[in-house]
Amino acid sequence: MESVTAVFAGTAFALFGAALLIWTGARTIHRAPVAHGVSPVASTALATLFGALFLVLGVWCFTRI
């Protein structure tokens, strides 16, 4: 039963991380703000960091199957 939970969590984390990285990249390419009211460099860096973190966390969950 733990494998079902690991697959669900891994899928959720991996999809969210990948989507966040793709969205951040698209906003950066179009020179649009990633977050309003925040420094563009800080918001891009944090969004990239958390996107990569969630993607790695999803892969880690898949290794626990």
N, C-alpha and C. Protein backbone atom coordinates (compact mmCIF):
# COMPACT_ATOMS: atom_id res chain seq x y z
N MET A 1 0.81 -1.20 0.00
CA MET A 1 0.00 0.00 0.00
C MET A 1 0.86 1.27 0.00
N GLU A 2 2.07 1.16 0.55
CA GLU A 2 2.94 2.33 0.55
C GLU A 2 3.38 2.72 -0.85
N SER A 3 3.44 1.74 -1.75
CA SER A 3 3.88 2.05 -3.11
C SER A 3 2.86 2.92 -3.84
N VAL A 4 1.58 2.72 -3.54
CA VAL A 4 0.54 3.56 -4.16
C VAL A 4 0.70 5.00 -3.70
N THR A 5 0.98 5.19 -2.43
CA THR A 5 1.19 6.54 -1.89
C THR A 5 2.43 7.17 -2.50
N ALA A 6 3.50 6.39 -2.65
CA ALA A 6 4.74 6.91 -3.23
C ALA A 6 4.54 7.29 -4.70
N VAL A 7 3.78 6.50 -5.43
CA VAL A 7 3.51 6.83 -6.83
C VAL A 7 2.68 8.10 -6.93
N PHE A 8 1.66 8.23 -6.10
CA PHE A 8 0.82 9.44 -6.13
C PHE A 8 1.63 10.67 -5.75
N ALA A 9 2.39 10.59 -4.67
CA ALA A 9 3.19 11.74 -4.22
C ALA A 9 4.26 12.07 -5.25
N GLY A 10 4.93 11.04 -5.78
CA GLY A 10 5.96 11.28 -6.79
C GLY A 10 5.41 11.94 -8.04
N THR A 11 4.25 11.48 -8.47
CA THR A 11 3.62 12.09 -9.65
C THR A 11 3.22 13.53 -9.40
N ALA A 12 2.63 13.79 -8.24
CA ALA A 12 2.21 15.16 -7.91
C ALA A 12 3.41 16.10 -7.82
N PHE A 13 4.45 15.68 -7.12
CA PHE A 13 5.63 16.52 -6.97
C PHE A 13 6.33 16.74 -8.31
N ALA A 14 6.49 15.68 -9.09
CA ALA A 14 7.18 15.79 -10.37
C ALA A 14 6.41 16.67 -11.36
N LEU A 15 5.11 16.51 -11.42
CA LEU A 15 4.31 17.34 -12.33
C LEU A 15 4.34 18.80 -11.92
N PHE A 16 4.22 19.06 -10.61
CA PHE A 16 4.25 20.45 -10.14
C PHE A 16 5.62 21.07 -10.39
N GLY A 17 6.69 20.34 -10.09
CA GLY A 17 8.03 20.87 -10.30
C GLY A 17 8.31 21.15 -11.76
N ALA A 18 7.94 20.21 -12.64
CA ALA A 18 8.16 20.41 -14.07
C ALA A 18 7.33 21.58 -14.59
N ALA A 19 6.09 21.68 -14.16
CA ALA A 19 5.23 22.78 -14.60
C ALA A 19 5.77 24.13 -14.12
N LEU A 20 6.27 24.16 -12.89
CA LEU A 20 6.82 25.41 -12.36
C LEU A 20 8.07 25.82 -13.13
N LEU A 21 8.92 24.86 -13.47
CA LEU A 21 10.11 25.18 -14.25
C LEU A 21 9.77 25.64 -15.66
N ILE A 22 8.80 24.99 -16.30
CA ILE A 22 8.39 25.39 -17.64
C ILE A 22 7.76 26.77 -17.63
N TRP A 23 6.90 27.02 -16.64
CA TRP A 23 6.24 28.32 -16.54
C TRP A 23 7.24 29.43 -16.27
N THR A 24 8.19 29.17 -15.37
CA THR A 24 9.22 30.17 -15.06
C THR A 24 10.07 30.44 -16.29
N GLY A 25 10.43 29.40 -17.01
CA GLY A 25 11.22 29.58 -18.23
C GLY A 25 10.47 30.38 -19.27
N ALA A 26 9.20 30.11 -19.44
CA ALA A 26 8.41 30.84 -20.42
C ALA A 26 8.27 32.31 -20.04
N ARG A 27 8.06 32.57 -18.75
CA ARG A 27 7.95 33.97 -18.30
C ARG A 27 9.27 34.70 -18.47
N THR A 28 10.38 34.00 -18.23
CA THR A 28 11.70 34.61 -18.36
C THR A 28 12.03 34.90 -19.82
N ILE A 29 11.70 33.98 -20.71
CA ILE A 29 11.98 34.18 -22.14
C ILE A 29 11.20 35.38 -22.67
N HIS A 30 9.97 35.55 -22.22
CA HIS A 30 9.14 36.67 -22.68
C HIS A 30 9.40 37.95 -21.89
N ARG A 31 10.35 37.90 -20.98
CA ARG A 31 10.70 39.04 -20.12
C ARG A 31 9.50 39.56 -19.34
N ALA A 32 8.62 38.66 -18.96
CA ALA A 32 7.47 39.00 -18.13
C ALA A 32 7.83 38.71 -16.67
N PRO A 33 7.21 39.43 -15.74
CA PRO A 33 7.54 39.17 -14.34
C PRO A 33 7.06 37.79 -13.89
N VAL A 34 7.87 37.13 -13.09
CA VAL A 34 7.49 35.83 -12.54
C VAL A 34 6.52 36.04 -11.38
N ALA A 35 6.77 37.05 -10.56
CA ALA A 35 5.88 37.42 -9.45
C ALA A 35 5.80 38.94 -9.40
N HIS A 36 4.62 39.47 -9.23
CA HIS A 36 4.43 40.91 -9.20
C HIS A 36 4.83 41.46 -7.84
N GLY A 37 5.51 42.58 -7.85
CA GLY A 37 5.89 43.26 -6.62
C GLY A 37 7.15 42.71 -5.98
N VAL A 38 7.86 41.85 -6.68
CA VAL A 38 9.09 41.25 -6.15
C VAL A 38 10.19 41.48 -7.17
N SER A 39 11.42 41.51 -6.71
CA SER A 39 12.56 41.66 -7.61
C SER A 39 12.53 40.56 -8.67
N PRO A 40 12.70 40.91 -9.94
CA PRO A 40 12.68 39.89 -10.99
C PRO A 40 13.75 38.82 -10.81
N VAL A 41 14.91 39.20 -10.36
CA VAL A 41 15.99 38.22 -10.17
C VAL A 41 15.64 37.28 -9.03
N ALA A 42 15.14 37.83 -7.92
CA ALA A 42 14.81 37.00 -6.76
C ALA A 42 13.65 36.05 -7.07
N SER A 43 12.63 36.56 -7.75
CA SER A 43 11.48 35.70 -8.04
C SER A 43 11.83 34.59 -9.03
N THR A 44 12.65 34.90 -10.02
CA THR A 44 13.08 33.87 -10.97
C THR A 44 13.95 32.83 -10.28
N ALA A 45 14.86 33.29 -9.44
CA ALA A 45 15.75 32.36 -8.73
C ALA A 45 14.97 31.46 -7.79
N LEU A 46 14.05 32.02 -7.03
CA LEU A 46 13.28 31.20 -6.09
C LEU A 46 12.34 30.23 -6.81
N ALA A 47 11.71 30.69 -7.86
CA ALA A 47 10.82 29.80 -8.62
C ALA A 47 11.60 28.65 -9.24
N THR A 48 12.78 28.95 -9.76
CA THR A 48 13.63 27.90 -10.33
C THR A 48 14.10 26.93 -9.25
N LEU A 49 14.50 27.47 -8.12
CA LEU A 49 14.96 26.63 -7.01
C LEU A 49 13.86 25.69 -6.53
N PHE A 50 12.67 26.22 -6.31
CA PHE A 50 11.58 25.39 -5.83
C PHE A 50 11.07 24.42 -6.90
N GLY A 51 11.10 24.82 -8.16
CA GLY A 51 10.72 23.91 -9.23
C GLY A 51 11.66 22.72 -9.28
N ALA A 52 12.96 22.99 -9.20
CA ALA A 52 13.93 21.90 -9.20
C ALA A 52 13.81 21.04 -7.95
N LEU A 53 13.55 21.68 -6.81
CA LEU A 53 13.39 20.94 -5.55
C LEU A 53 12.19 19.99 -5.62
N PHE A 54 11.07 20.45 -6.12
CA PHE A 54 9.89 19.59 -6.23
C PHE A 54 10.11 18.47 -7.25
N LEU A 55 10.83 18.76 -8.32
CA LEU A 55 11.13 17.73 -9.31
C LEU A 55 12.03 16.64 -8.72
N VAL A 56 13.04 17.05 -7.97
CA VAL A 56 13.92 16.09 -7.31
C VAL A 56 13.16 15.30 -6.26
N LEU A 57 12.28 15.96 -5.52
CA LEU A 57 11.47 15.27 -4.51
C LEU A 57 10.56 14.23 -5.16
N GLY A 58 10.00 14.54 -6.31
CA GLY A 58 9.18 13.57 -7.03
C GLY A 58 9.98 12.37 -7.49
N VAL A 59 11.17 12.61 -7.99
CA VAL A 59 12.04 11.50 -8.41
C VAL A 59 12.43 10.66 -7.20
N TRP A 60 12.71 11.31 -6.08
CA TRP A 60 13.05 10.59 -4.86
C TRP A 60 11.90 9.69 -4.41
N CYS A 61 10.67 10.18 -4.52
CA CYS A 61 9.51 9.35 -4.17
C CYS A 61 9.41 8.13 -5.07
N PHE A 62 9.74 8.30 -6.35
CA PHE A 62 9.70 7.16 -7.26
C PHE A 62 10.77 6.13 -6.92
N THR A 63 11.88 6.56 -6.34
CA THR A 63 12.92 5.58 -5.96
C THR A 63 12.52 4.78 -4.74
N ARG A 64 11.50 5.20 -4.01
CA ARG A 64 11.07 4.51 -2.79
C ARG A 64 10.02 3.45 -3.07
N ILE A 65 9.71 3.21 -4.33
CA ILE A 65 8.68 2.21 -4.68
C ILE A 65 9.21 0.82 -4.46
